[in-house]
C-alpha atoms as a PDB file:
ATOM      1  CA  UNK A   1     -12.075 100.616 252.502  1.00  0.00           C
ATOM      2  CA  UNK A   2     -13.012  96.864 252.859  1.00  0.00           C
ATOM      3  CA  UNK A   3     -15.594  97.517 249.525  1.00  0.00           C
ATOM      4  CA  UNK A   4     -12.806  99.466 247.835  1.00  0.00           C
ATOM      5  CA  UNK A   5     -10.205  97.002 248.599  1.00  0.00           C
ATOM      6  CA  UNK A   6     -12.198  94.513 246.773  1.00  0.00           C
ATOM      7  CA  UNK A   7     -13.069  96.951 244.135  1.00  0.00           C
ATOM      8  CA  UNK A   8      -9.238  97.113 243.213  1.00  0.00           C
ATOM      9  CA  UNK A   9      -9.080  93.600 243.393  1.00  0.00           C
ATOM     10  CA  UNK A  10     -11.781  93.075 240.841  1.00  0.00           C
ATOM     11  CA  UNK A  11     -10.396  95.918 238.719  1.00  0.00           C
ATOM     12  CA  UNK A  12      -6.714  94.595 238.507  1.00  0.00           C
ATOM     13  CA  UNK A  13      -8.297  91.237 237.952  1.00  0.00           C
ATOM     14  CA  UNK A  14      -9.930  92.000 234.893  1.00  0.00           C
ATOM     15  CA  UNK A  15      -7.256  94.186 233.438  1.00  0.00           C
ATOM     16  CA  UNK A  16      -4.424  91.733 233.938  1.00  0.00           C
ATOM     17  CA  UNK A  17      -6.370  88.681 232.874  1.00  0.00           C
ATOM     18  CA  UNK A  18      -5.289  88.903 229.282  1.00  0.00           C
ATOM     19  CA  UNK A  19      -1.807  89.275 230.013  1.00  0.00           C
ATOM     20  CA  UNK A  20      -0.797  86.505 232.363  1.00  0.00           C
ATOM     21  CA  UNK A  21       1.669  85.141 231.032  1.00  0.00           C
ATOM     22  CA  UNK A  22       2.993  81.501 231.403  1.00  0.00           C
ATOM     23  CA  UNK A  23       6.405  80.403 229.571  1.00  0.00           C
ATOM     24  CA  UNK A  24       5.910  76.846 228.298  1.00  0.00           C
ATOM     25  CA  UNK A  25       7.112  73.905 230.566  1.00  0.00           C
ATOM     26  CA  UNK A  26       6.287  70.887 232.263  1.00  0.00           C
ATOM     27  CA  UNK A  27       8.689  69.486 234.745  1.00  0.00           C
ATOM     28  CA  UNK A  28      10.635  73.030 235.129  1.00  0.00           C
ATOM     29  CA  UNK A  29       9.929  75.256 238.150  1.00  0.00           C
ATOM     30  CA  UNK A  30       8.125  78.127 238.322  1.00  0.00           C
ATOM     31  CA  UNK A  31       7.444  81.295 240.057  1.00  0.00           C
ATOM     32  CA  UNK A  32       5.016  83.800 239.731  1.00  0.00           C
ATOM     33  CA  UNK A  33       5.567  87.755 239.551  1.00  0.00           C
ATOM     34  CA  UNK A  34       2.923  90.718 240.248  1.00  0.00           C
ATOM     35  CA  UNK A  35       4.715  93.890 238.274  1.00  0.00           C
ATOM     36  CA  UNK A  36       3.538  97.419 238.234  1.00  0.00           C
ATOM     37  CA  UNK A  37       6.120  97.688 235.458  1.00  0.00           C
ATOM     38  CA  UNK A  38       4.772  97.489 231.786  1.00  0.00           C
ATOM     39  CA  UNK A  39       5.563  94.453 230.153  1.00  0.00           C
ATOM     40  CA  UNK A  40       7.947  95.671 227.638  1.00  0.00           C
ATOM     41  CA  UNK A  41       9.973  96.919 230.244  1.00  0.00           C
ATOM     42  CA  UNK A  42      10.395  93.657 232.353  1.00  0.00           C
ATOM     43  CA  UNK A  43       9.304  90.446 230.055  1.00  0.00           C
ATOM     44  CA  UNK A  44      12.846  90.542 228.046  1.00  0.00           C
ATOM     45  CA  UNK A  45      14.564  90.328 231.439  1.00  0.00           C
ATOM     46  CA  UNK A  46      12.306  87.606 232.642  1.00  0.00           C
ATOM     47  CA  UNK A  47      12.660  85.582 229.412  1.00  0.00           C
ATOM     48  CA  UNK A  48      16.724  85.738 229.365  1.00  0.00           C
ATOM     49  CA  UNK A  49      16.372  84.391 233.110  1.00  0.00           C
ATOM     50  CA  UNK A  50      14.348  81.586 232.169  1.00  0.00           C
ATOM     51  CA  UNK A  51      16.745  80.821 229.621  1.00  0.00           C
ATOM     52  CA  UNK A  52      19.708  80.918 231.948  1.00  0.00           C
ATOM     53  CA  UNK A  53      18.173  78.957 234.681  1.00  0.00           C
ATOM     54  CA  UNK A  54      15.121  76.974 233.584  1.00  0.00           C
ATOM     55  CA  UNK A  55      12.753  78.744 236.007  1.00  0.00           C
ATOM     56  CA  UNK A  56       9.493  79.552 234.287  1.00  0.00           C
ATOM     57  CA  UNK A  57       7.903  82.763 235.121  1.00  0.00           C
ATOM     58  CA  UNK A  58       4.414  83.783 235.232  1.00  0.00           C
ATOM     59  CA  UNK A  59       3.798  87.572 234.966  1.00  0.00           C
ATOM     60  CA  UNK A  60       0.718  89.809 236.249  1.00  0.00           C
ATOM     61  CA  UNK A  61       0.786  93.341 235.242  1.00  0.00           C
ATOM     62  CA  UNK A  62      -1.336  96.191 236.653  1.00  0.00           C
ATOM     63  CA  UNK A  63      -1.310  99.153 238.756  1.00  0.00           C
ATOM     64  CA  UNK A  64       0.785  99.637 241.779  1.00  0.00           C
ATOM     65  CA  UNK A  65      -1.916 100.236 244.642  1.00  0.00           C
ATOM     66  CA  UNK A  66      -4.139  97.715 242.677  1.00  0.00           C
ATOM     67  CA  UNK A  67      -1.266  95.221 242.937  1.00  0.00           C
ATOM     68  CA  UNK A  68      -0.666  95.521 246.387  1.00  0.00           C
ATOM     69  CA  UNK A  69      -4.367  95.441 247.165  1.00  0.00           C
ATOM     70  CA  UNK A  70      -4.663  91.869 245.142  1.00  0.00           C
ATOM     71  CA  UNK A  71      -1.587  90.597 247.340  1.00  0.00           C
ATOM     72  CA  UNK A  72      -3.413  91.559 250.488  1.00  0.00           C
ATOM     73  CA  UNK A  73      -6.798  90.241 249.773  1.00  0.00           C
ATOM     74  CA  UNK A  74      -5.354  87.037 248.267  1.00  0.00           C
ATOM     75  CA  UNK A  75      -3.263  86.331 251.877  1.00  0.00           C
ATOM     76  CA  UNK A  76      -1.736  82.944 252.313  1.00  0.00           C
ATOM     77  CA  UNK A  77      -3.439  81.848 249.176  1.00  0.00           C
ATOM     78  CA  UNK A  78      -1.539  84.404 246.650  1.00  0.00           C
ATOM     79  CA  UNK A  79       0.037  82.633 243.851  1.00  0.00           C
ATOM     80  CA  UNK A  80       2.458  85.377 243.723  1.00  0.00           C
ATOM     81  CA  UNK A  81       6.413  84.784 244.544  1.00  0.00           C
ATOM     82  CA  UNK A  82       7.707  88.338 243.732  1.00  0.00           C
ATOM     83  CA  UNK A  83       6.321  91.873 243.903  1.00  0.00           C
ATOM     84  CA  UNK A  84       7.910  94.278 241.400  1.00  0.00           C
ATOM     85  CA  UNK A  85       6.666  98.118 242.153  1.00  0.00           C
ATOM     86  CA  UNK A  86       7.444 101.790 241.644  1.00  0.00           C
ATOM     87  CA  UNK A  87       8.478 103.849 244.636  1.00  0.00           C
ATOM     88  CA  UNK A  88      10.501 103.391 247.577  1.00  0.00           C
ATOM     89  CA  UNK A  89       6.892 104.558 249.234  1.00  0.00           C
ATOM     90  CA  UNK A  90       4.915 101.897 247.882  1.00  0.00           C
ATOM     91  CA  UNK A  91       7.694  99.146 248.749  1.00  0.00           C
ATOM     92  CA  UNK A  92       7.454 100.369 252.241  1.00  0.00           C
ATOM     93  CA  UNK A  93       3.274  99.938 252.156  1.00  0.00           C
ATOM     94  CA  UNK A  94       3.725  96.204 251.103  1.00  0.00           C
ATOM     95  CA  UNK A  95       6.371  95.874 253.699  1.00  0.00           C
ATOM     96  CA  UNK A  96       4.262  97.301 256.623  1.00  0.00           C
ATOM     97  CA  UNK A  97       1.331  95.669 255.378  1.00  0.00           C
ATOM     98  CA  UNK A  98       3.053  92.177 256.301  1.00  0.00           C
ATOM     99  CA  UNK A  99       3.026  91.478 252.384  1.00  0.00           C
ATOM    100  CA  UNK A 100       7.008  90.635 251.980  1.00  0.00           C
ATOM    101  CA  UNK A 101       9.452  88.611 253.824  1.00  0.00           C
ATOM    102  CA  UNK A 102      13.392  89.527 254.702  1.00  0.00           C
ATOM    103  CA  UNK A 103      15.575  88.002 252.230  1.00  0.00           C
ATOM    104  CA  UNK A 104      19.223  86.735 253.088  1.00  0.00           C
ATOM    105  CA  UNK A 105      21.641  87.208 250.018  1.00  0.00           C
ATOM    106  CA  UNK A 106      24.970  87.997 250.161  1.00  0.00           C
ATOM    107  CA  UNK A 107      24.544  88.795 246.451  1.00  0.00           C
ATOM    108  CA  UNK A 108      22.022  91.268 246.522  1.00  0.00           C
ATOM    109  CA  UNK A 109      23.924  93.032 249.835  1.00  0.00           C
ATOM    110  CA  UNK A 110      26.837  93.172 247.473  1.00  0.00           C
ATOM    111  CA  UNK A 111      24.989  94.464 244.600  1.00  0.00           C
ATOM    112  CA  UNK A 112      22.332  96.773 245.750  1.00  0.00           C
ATOM    113  CA  UNK A 113      23.951  99.841 247.679  1.00  0.00           C
ATOM    114  CA  UNK A 114      22.408  99.902 251.349  1.00  0.00           C
ATOM    115  CA  UNK A 115      20.714 103.189 251.193  1.00  0.00           C
ATOM    116  CA  UNK A 116      18.640 101.754 248.063  1.00  0.00           C
ATOM    117  CA  UNK A 117      17.215  98.956 249.727  1.00  0.00           C
ATOM    118  CA  UNK A 118      15.244  97.971 253.202  1.00  0.00           C
ATOM    119  CA  UNK A 119      16.822  98.226 256.483  1.00  0.00           C
ATOM    120  CA  UNK A 120      15.601  94.679 256.865  1.00  0.00           C
ATOM    121  CA  UNK A 121      15.982  93.518 253.347  1.00  0.00           C
ATOM    122  CA  UNK A 122      12.606  93.091 252.502  1.00  0.00           C
ATOM    123  CA  UNK A 123      12.657  95.206 249.522  1.00  0.00           C
ATOM    124  CA  UNK A 124      15.506  95.681 247.110  1.00  0.00           C
ATOM    125  CA  UNK A 125      15.875  98.549 244.643  1.00  0.00           C
ATOM    126  CA  UNK A 126      16.337  97.684 241.086  1.00  0.00           C
ATOM    127  CA  UNK A 127      16.528 101.171 238.960  1.00  0.00           C
ATOM    128  CA  UNK A 128      16.673 104.599 240.146  1.00  0.00           C
ATOM    129  CA  UNK A 129      15.430 107.739 238.765  1.00  0.00           C
ATOM    130  CA  UNK A 130      16.078 111.454 240.188  1.00  0.00           C
ATOM    131  CA  UNK A 131      13.042 114.001 240.517  1.00  0.00           C
ATOM    132  CA  UNK A 132      14.653 117.001 239.048  1.00  0.00           C
ATOM    133  CA  UNK A 133      13.928 120.701 237.853  1.00  0.00           C
ATOM    134  CA  UNK A 134      13.429 120.891 234.087  1.00  0.00           C
ATOM    135  CA  UNK A 135      13.143 124.279 232.840  1.00  0.00           C
ATOM    136  CA  UNK A 136      12.080 126.078 229.613  1.00  0.00           C
ATOM    137  CA  UNK A 137      15.439 126.875 228.169  1.00  0.00           C
ATOM    138  CA  UNK A 138      13.923 130.137 226.715  1.00  0.00           C
ATOM    139  CA  UNK A 139      12.666 131.393 230.336  1.00  0.00           C
ATOM    140  CA  UNK A 140      15.198 130.262 232.494  1.00  0.00           C
ATOM    141  CA  UNK A 141      19.127 129.971 232.504  1.00  0.00           C
ATOM    142  CA  UNK A 142      20.500 126.972 234.681  1.00  0.00           C
ATOM    143  CA  UNK A 143      22.618 129.643 237.003  1.00  0.00           C
ATOM    144  CA  UNK A 144      19.312 131.067 238.320  1.00  0.00           C
ATOM    145  CA  UNK A 145      18.859 127.296 239.846  1.00  0.00           C
ATOM    146  CA  UNK A 146      20.159 125.790 242.759  1.00  0.00           C
ATOM    147  CA  UNK A 147      18.146 123.713 245.268  1.00  0.00           C
ATOM    148  CA  UNK A 148      14.837 122.440 245.875  1.00  0.00           C
ATOM    149  CA  UNK A 149      14.514 125.004 248.335  1.00  0.00           C
ATOM    150  CA  UNK A 150      15.307 127.806 246.112  1.00  0.00           C
ATOM    151  CA  UNK A 151      12.170 127.521 244.367  1.00  0.00           C
ATOM    152  CA  UNK A 152      10.365 129.378 247.256  1.00  0.00           C
ATOM    153  CA  UNK A 153      11.899 132.804 246.217  1.00  0.00           C
ATOM    154  CA  UNK A 154       9.198 135.102 245.294  1.00  0.00           C
ATOM    155  CA  UNK A 155      10.996 135.448 241.636  1.00  0.00           C
ATOM    156  CA  UNK A 156       9.609 131.904 241.003  1.00  0.00           C
ATOM    157  CA  UNK A 157       5.875 133.363 241.498  1.00  0.00           C
ATOM    158  CA  UNK A 158       3.363 132.009 238.998  1.00  0.00           C
ATOM    159  CA  UNK A 159       6.491 130.060 237.051  1.00  0.00           C
ATOM    160  CA  UNK A 160       6.254 126.557 238.925  1.00  0.00           C
ATOM    161  CA  UNK A 161       4.267 123.310 237.534  1.00  0.00           C
ATOM    162  CA  UNK A 162       4.349 120.226 239.604  1.00  0.00           C
ATOM    163  CA  UNK A 163       1.427 117.655 240.263  1.00  0.00           C
ATOM    164  CA  UNK A 164      -0.647 117.132 243.072  1.00  0.00           C
ATOM    165  CA  UNK A 165       0.448 116.234 246.638  1.00  0.00           C
ATOM    166  CA  UNK A 166      -1.632 112.942 246.158  1.00  0.00           C
ATOM    167  CA  UNK A 167       1.036 111.893 243.736  1.00  0.00           C
ATOM    168  CA  UNK A 168       3.522 109.002 245.496  1.00  0.00           C
ATOM    169  CA  UNK A 169       6.700 110.837 243.498  1.00  0.00           C
ATOM    170  CA  UNK A 170       5.564 114.144 245.534  1.00  0.00           C
ATOM    171  CA  UNK A 171       5.105 112.605 248.898  1.00  0.00           C
ATOM    172  CA  UNK A 172       8.394 110.699 248.825  1.00  0.00           C
ATOM    173  CA  UNK A 173       9.914 113.932 247.523  1.00  0.00           C
ATOM    174  CA  UNK A 174       8.740 115.960 250.499  1.00  0.00           C
ATOM    175  CA  UNK A 175       9.483 112.949 252.662  1.00  0.00           C
ATOM    176  CA  UNK A 176      13.161 113.263 251.675  1.00  0.00           C
ATOM    177  CA  UNK A 177      12.991 117.154 252.978  1.00  0.00           C
ATOM    178  CA  UNK A 178      11.429 116.150 256.198  1.00  0.00           C
ATOM    179  CA  UNK A 179      14.115 113.765 256.501  1.00  0.00           C
ATOM    180  CA  UNK A 180      17.062 116.293 255.815  1.00  0.00           C
ATOM    181  CA  UNK A 181      15.643 119.398 256.918  1.00  0.00           C
ATOM    182  CA  UNK A 182      12.697 118.548 259.813  1.00  0.00           C
ATOM    183  CA  UNK A 183       8.866 118.955 259.616  1.00  0.00           C
ATOM    184  CA  UNK A 184       8.588 122.570 260.200  1.00  0.00           C
ATOM    185  CA  UNK A 185      11.045 123.643 257.265  1.00  0.00           C
ATOM    186  CA  UNK A 186       9.430 121.321 254.791  1.00  0.00           C
ATOM    187  CA  UNK A 187       5.674 122.802 255.998  1.00  0.00           C
ATOM    188  CA  UNK A 188       7.210 126.281 254.894  1.00  0.00           C
ATOM    189  CA  UNK A 189       8.461 125.108 251.514  1.00  0.00           C
ATOM    190  CA  UNK A 190       5.434 123.493 250.467  1.00  0.00           C
ATOM    191  CA  UNK A 191       3.323 126.495 251.448  1.00  0.00           C
ATOM    192  CA  UNK A 192       5.693 128.757 249.490  1.00  0.00           C
ATOM    193  CA  UNK A 193       5.682 126.091 246.538  1.00  0.00           C
ATOM    194  CA  UNK A 194       1.873 126.527 246.577  1.00  0.00           C
ATOM    195  CA  UNK A 195       2.153 130.127 246.386  1.00  0.00           C
ATOM    196  CA  UNK A 196       4.633 130.067 243.553  1.00  0.00           C
ATOM    197  CA  UNK A 197       2.670 127.605 241.369  1.00  0.00           C
ATOM    198  CA  UNK A 198       1.581 128.535 237.866  1.00  0.00           C
ATOM    199  CA  UNK A 199      -1.715 126.855 238.005  1.00  0.00           C
ATOM    200  CA  UNK A 200      -3.091 124.153 240.328  1.00  0.00           C
ATOM    201  CA  UNK A 201      -1.830 120.819 240.406  1.00  0.00           C
ATOM    202  CA  UNK A 202      -3.449 118.422 237.184  1.00  0.00           C
ATOM    203  CA  UNK A 203      -1.880 115.694 235.249  1.00  0.00           C
ATOM    204  CA  UNK A 204       1.208 113.506 235.539  1.00  0.00           C
ATOM    205  CA  UNK A 205       4.775 114.644 235.271  1.00  0.00           C
ATOM    206  CA  UNK A 206       4.827 114.585 231.249  1.00  0.00           C
ATOM    207  CA  UNK A 207       1.832 117.299 231.638  1.00  0.00           C
ATOM    208  CA  UNK A 208       3.832 119.446 233.862  1.00  0.00           C
ATOM    209  CA  UNK A 209       6.884 119.179 231.164  1.00  0.00           C
ATOM    210  CA  UNK A 210       4.510 120.126 228.300  1.00  0.00           C
ATOM    211  CA  UNK A 211       3.085 123.351 230.374  1.00  0.00           C
ATOM    212  CA  UNK A 212       6.521 124.589 230.682  1.00  0.00           C
ATOM    213  CA  UNK A 213       7.009 123.897 227.110  1.00  0.00           C
ATOM    214  CA  UNK A 214       3.940 125.842 225.790  1.00  0.00           C
ATOM    215  CA  UNK A 215       4.487 128.632 228.289  1.00  0.00           C
ATOM    216  CA  UNK A 216       1.851 128.167 231.299  1.00  0.00           C
ATOM    217  CA  UNK A 217       5.132 128.163 233.619  1.00  0.00           C
ATOM    218  CA  UNK A 218       8.767 128.415 233.090  1.00  0.00           C
ATOM    219  CA  UNK A 219       9.886 125.103 234.875  1.00  0.00           C
ATOM    220  CA  UNK A 220       8.359 121.810 236.372  1.00  0.00           C
ATOM    221  CA  UNK A 221       9.803 119.143 238.594  1.00  0.00           C
ATOM    222  CA  UNK A 222       9.601 115.550 236.976  1.00  0.00           C
ATOM    223  CA  UNK A 223      11.177 112.305 237.087  1.00  0.00           C
ATOM    224  CA  UNK A 224      13.946 111.942 234.783  1.00  0.00           C
ATOM    225  CA  UNK A 225      12.740 108.912 232.742  1.00  0.00           C
ATOM    226  CA  UNK A 226      10.220 111.000 231.657  1.00  0.00           C
ATOM    227  CA  UNK A 227      12.634 113.274 229.769  1.00  0.00           C
ATOM    228  CA  UNK A 228      14.435 110.670 228.175  1.00  0.00           C
ATOM    229  CA  UNK A 229      10.866 108.653 226.771  1.00  0.00           C
ATOM    230  CA  UNK A 230      10.404 112.219 224.801  1.00  0.00           C
ATOM    231  CA  UNK A 231      14.336 112.251 223.680  1.00  0.00           C
ATOM    232  CA  UNK A 232      13.643 108.674 222.243  1.00  0.00           C
ATOM    233  CA  UNK A 233      10.320 108.893 221.173  1.00  0.00           C
ATOM    234  CA  UNK A 234       9.336 108.446 217.439  1.00  0.00           C
ATOM    235  CA  UNK A 235       7.088 111.420 217.578  1.00  0.00           C
ATOM    236  CA  UNK A 236       8.499 114.518 216.006  1.00  0.00           C
ATOM    237  CA  UNK A 237       6.439 116.573 218.774  1.00  0.00           C
ATOM    238  CA  UNK A 238       7.667 114.430 221.726  1.00  0.00           C
ATOM    239  CA  UNK A 239      11.390 115.392 220.190  1.00  0.00           C
ATOM    240  CA  UNK A 240      10.541 118.888 219.897  1.00  0.00           C
ATOM    241  CA  UNK A 241       9.154 119.270 223.247  1.00  0.00           C
ATOM    242  CA  UNK A 242      12.440 117.765 224.807  1.00  0.00           C
ATOM    243  CA  UNK A 243      14.321 120.346 222.648  1.00  0.00           C
ATOM    244  CA  UNK A 244      12.694 123.072 224.614  1.00  0.00           C
ATOM    245  CA  UNK A 245      13.531 121.998 228.186  1.00  0.00           C
ATOM    246  CA  UNK A 246      16.727 121.266 230.051  1.00  0.00           C
ATOM    247  CA  UNK A 247      17.595 119.381 233.093  1.00  0.00           C
ATOM    248  CA  UNK A 248      18.815 120.389 236.473  1.00  0.00           C
ATOM    249  CA  UNK A 249      20.177 118.570 239.100  1.00  0.00           C
ATOM    250  CA  UNK A 250      19.243 120.306 242.408  1.00  0.00           C
ATOM    251  CA  UNK A 251      21.244 120.513 245.548  1.00  0.00           C
ATOM    252  CA  UNK A 252      24.674 119.554 244.296  1.00  0.00           C
ATOM    253  CA  UNK A 253      26.315 121.398 246.855  1.00  0.00           C
ATOM    254  CA  UNK A 254      24.876 119.916 249.962  1.00  0.00           C
ATOM    255  CA  UNK A 255      22.982 116.572 250.091  1.00  0.00           C
ATOM    256  CA  UNK A 256      22.144 115.936 246.366  1.00  0.00           C
ATOM    257  CA  UNK A 257      19.252 115.345 244.117  1.00  0.00           C
ATOM    258  CA  UNK A 258      16.597 113.601 245.181  1.00  0.00           C
ATOM    259  CA  UNK A 259      16.544 110.003 243.878  1.00  0.00           C
ATOM    260  CA  UNK A 260      13.722 106.782 244.250  1.00  0.00           C
ATOM    261  CA  UNK A 261      13.847 103.465 242.891  1.00  0.00           C
ATOM    262  CA  UNK A 262      11.609 101.000 241.077  1.00  0.00           C
ATOM    263  CA  UNK A 263      12.269  97.403 243.640  1.00  0.00           C
ATOM    264  CA  UNK A 264      11.277  94.015 244.265  1.00  0.00           C
ATOM    265  CA  UNK A 265      10.740  91.970 247.292  1.00  0.00           C
ATOM    266  CA  UNK A 266       9.579  88.269 247.667  1.00  0.00           C
ATOM    267  CA  UNK A 267       6.171  88.077 248.964  1.00  0.00           C
ATOM    268  CA  UNK A 268       5.410  86.663 252.417  1.00  0.00           C
ATOM    269  CA  UNK A 269       3.539  83.456 251.567  1.00  0.00           C
ATOM    270  CA  UNK A 270       5.912  82.987 248.205  1.00  0.00           C
ATOM    271  CA  UNK A 271       5.778  79.163 247.756  1.00  0.00           C
ATOM    272  CA  UNK A 272       8.961  79.599 245.988  1.00  0.00           C
ATOM    273  CA  UNK A 273      10.999  81.530 247.603  1.00  0.00           C
ATOM    274  CA  UNK A 274      14.326  80.253 246.750  1.00  0.00           C
ATOM    275  CA  UNK A 275      13.516  80.822 242.894  1.00  0.00           C
ATOM    276  CA  UNK A 276      12.202  84.249 243.536  1.00  0.00           C
ATOM    277  CA  UNK A 277      15.319  85.032 245.385  1.00  0.00           C
ATOM    278  CA  UNK A 278      17.363  83.826 242.224  1.00  0.00           C
ATOM    279  CA  UNK A 279      15.502  86.267 240.056  1.00  0.00           C
ATOM    280  CA  UNK A 280      16.321  88.924 242.385  1.00  0.00           C
ATOM    281  CA  UNK A 281      19.630  88.400 242.393  1.00  0.00           C
ATOM    282  CA  UNK A 282      19.565  87.992 238.409  1.00  0.00           C
ATOM    283  CA  UNK A 283      17.661  91.670 238.351  1.00  0.00           C
ATOM    284  CA  UNK A 284      20.837  93.008 240.359  1.00  0.00           C
ATOM    285  CA  UNK A 285      23.157  91.419 238.120  1.00  0.00           C
ATOM    286  CA  UNK A 286      25.430  93.412 235.713  1.00  0.00           C
ATOM    287  CA  UNK A 287      23.752  91.968 232.900  1.00  0.00           C
ATOM    288  CA  UNK A 288      20.219  93.250 233.820  1.00  0.00           C
ATOM    289  CA  UNK A 289      21.697  96.283 235.070  1.00  0.00           C
ATOM    290  CA  UNK A 290      22.896  97.311 231.776  1.00  0.00           C
ATOM    291  CA  UNK A 291      19.513  96.517 230.086  1.00  0.00           C
ATOM    292  CA  UNK A 292      18.042  98.857 232.606  1.00  0.00           C
ATOM    293  CA  UNK A 293      20.399 101.480 231.777  1.00  0.00           C
ATOM    294  CA  UNK A 294      20.654 101.066 228.151  1.00  0.00           C
ATOM    295  CA  UNK A 295      16.882 100.424 227.269  1.00  0.00           C
ATOM    296  CA  UNK A 296      14.985 101.981 229.806  1.00  0.00           C
ATOM    297  CA  UNK A 297      17.248 105.044 230.415  1.00  0.00           C
ATOM    298  CA  UNK A 298      17.468 104.477 234.092  1.00  0.00           C
ATOM    299  CA  UNK A 299      20.217 104.756 236.539  1.00  0.00           C
ATOM    300  CA  UNK A 300      21.553 101.291 237.440  1.00  0.00           C
ATOM    301  CA  UNK A 301      21.320 100.760 241.111  1.00  0.00           C
ATOM    302  CA  UNK A 302      24.317  98.485 240.876  1.00  0.00           C
ATOM    303  CA  UNK A 303      28.007 100.522 241.334  1.00  0.00           C
ATOM    304  CA  UNK A 304      30.199 100.089 238.135  1.00  0.00           C
ATOM    305  CA  UNK A 305      27.492  99.738 235.551  1.00  0.00           C
ATOM    306  CA  UNK A 306      27.498 102.620 233.135  1.00  0.00           C
ATOM    307  CA  UNK A 307      24.336 104.576 232.160  1.00  0.00           C
ATOM    308  CA  UNK A 308      23.277 105.229 228.898  1.00  0.00           C
ATOM    309  CA  UNK A 309      25.174 107.776 226.373  1.00  0.00           C
ATOM    310  CA  UNK A 310      21.584 109.529 226.383  1.00  0.00           C
ATOM    311  CA  UNK A 311      21.460 109.629 230.316  1.00  0.00           C
ATOM    312  CA  UNK A 312      25.276 110.751 230.593  1.00  0.00           C
ATOM    313  CA  UNK A 313      24.788 113.693 228.121  1.00  0.00           C
ATOM    314  CA  UNK A 314      22.191 115.378 230.973  1.00  0.00           C
ATOM    315  CA  UNK A 315      25.363 115.593 233.360  1.00  0.00           C
ATOM    316  CA  UNK A 316      26.396 112.225 234.993  1.00  0.00           C
ATOM    317  CA  UNK A 317      27.548 111.200 237.602  1.00  0.00           C
ATOM    318  CA  UNK A 318      25.310 113.908 239.779  1.00  0.00           C
ATOM    319  CA  UNK A 319      25.525 114.032 243.322  1.00  0.00           C
ATOM    320  CA  UNK A 320      22.535 112.024 244.569  1.00  0.00           C
ATOM    321  CA  UNK A 321      20.639 112.098 247.977  1.00  0.00           C
ATOM    322  CA  UNK A 322      22.373 109.186 250.242  1.00  0.00           C
ATOM    323  CA  UNK A 323      19.136 109.150 252.499  1.00  0.00           C
ATOM    324  CA  UNK A 324      18.124 105.713 252.949  1.00  0.00           C
ATOM    325  CA  UNK A 325      15.050 105.227 250.882  1.00  0.00           C
ATOM    326  CA  UNK A 326      13.127 103.527 253.643  1.00  0.00           C
ATOM    327  CA  UNK A 327      12.791 106.582 255.406  1.00  0.00           C
ATOM    328  CA  UNK A 328      10.837 107.841 252.474  1.00  0.00           C
ATOM    329  CA  UNK A 329       8.140 105.146 253.658  1.00  0.00           C
ATOM    330  CA  UNK A 330       8.525 105.661 257.218  1.00  0.00           C
ATOM    331  CA  UNK A 331       7.845 109.862 256.630  1.00  0.00           C
ATOM    332  CA  UNK A 332       5.269 108.948 254.036  1.00  0.00           C
ATOM    333  CA  UNK A 333       2.020 109.953 256.651  1.00  0.00           C
ATOM    334  CA  UNK A 334       4.194 112.880 257.672  1.00  0.00           C
ATOM    335  CA  UNK A 335       4.592 114.281 254.242  1.00  0.00           C
ATOM    336  CA  UNK A 336       0.665 113.831 253.419  1.00  0.00           C
ATOM    337  CA  UNK A 337      -0.493 115.563 256.607  1.00  0.00           C
ATOM    338  CA  UNK A 338       2.250 118.659 255.789  1.00  0.00           C
ATOM    339  CA  UNK A 339       0.761 118.748 252.246  1.00  0.00           C
ATOM    340  CA  UNK A 340      -2.996 118.890 253.709  1.00  0.00           C
ATOM    341  CA  UNK A 341      -1.668 121.778 256.013  1.00  0.00           C
ATOM    342  CA  UNK A 342       0.114 123.318 253.280  1.00  0.00           C
ATOM    343  CA  UNK A 343      -3.207 124.071 251.230  1.00  0.00           C
ATOM    344  CA  UNK A 344      -1.283 121.729 247.970  1.00  0.00           C
ATOM    345  CA  UNK A 345      -4.145 120.229 246.442  1.00  0.00           C
END
């Protein structure tokens, strides 16, 4: 494991070296951000933050797990002040590894609902997505769908595409079901989904959606923003693919559809924690939340900020699971064991 950790460190160092950006300045304060969000999804907000505060931002981007491994390897010598990553499960990993610190901020507590931030305020959700059913409109009608649990019905045998059990998004989905229904019920669900799969899991969310388009399966489970990326693509094939699918939000008559976040936390050994908190507060501001909603077609975490017209066209507001997302991390290890026992590859 130690060897793998240093391999991850080396890989992210090589990949990210050419994108470690510093906004010029000599006397201004500065902070360093490690982000798994691609440059174009975060840099415009960081630039706006610098314009408003005079605080320079150094940005290093890379893969989620590699950045967490790097932060762990650097320890007290890490230059990072803020970690931005996807999925509450990963944010929880960073917390239990001792890589984050608690933050006291009335602004963050006001802007971000309690269930979308860590119970100890070590991380905060910044944008939200839902993991939904995407169905081929020529093969499935919306009135056939209801809940995640109903996908275990034998009528769906050979009709479901979903990615592998080592994917953090699926682990968090299963963790939410464990929290709601219990471990045994979640295992029964996982085994039944395996029995109903059209093919062994392979590829990312877009691969599942593509398989539903070309008829390898009739429906897929995927995150909402992947559908948005097809709809807004300048590639005719992506737009054609999107036209074949529709979104269904499960469990609207009980707990609500599963949601997750991209979020951030101040690093444990931050040398500029006050400035890092300022950036966190800015990212939760109405201005930044509107940008996430309009440009990224994600759901804002801040109440009262409108979603984009595109996202609204799918049906909004929808009922979202109100589970505190810290539970997704707390139950991750249990979810992995359930997947293993169910035969979900």
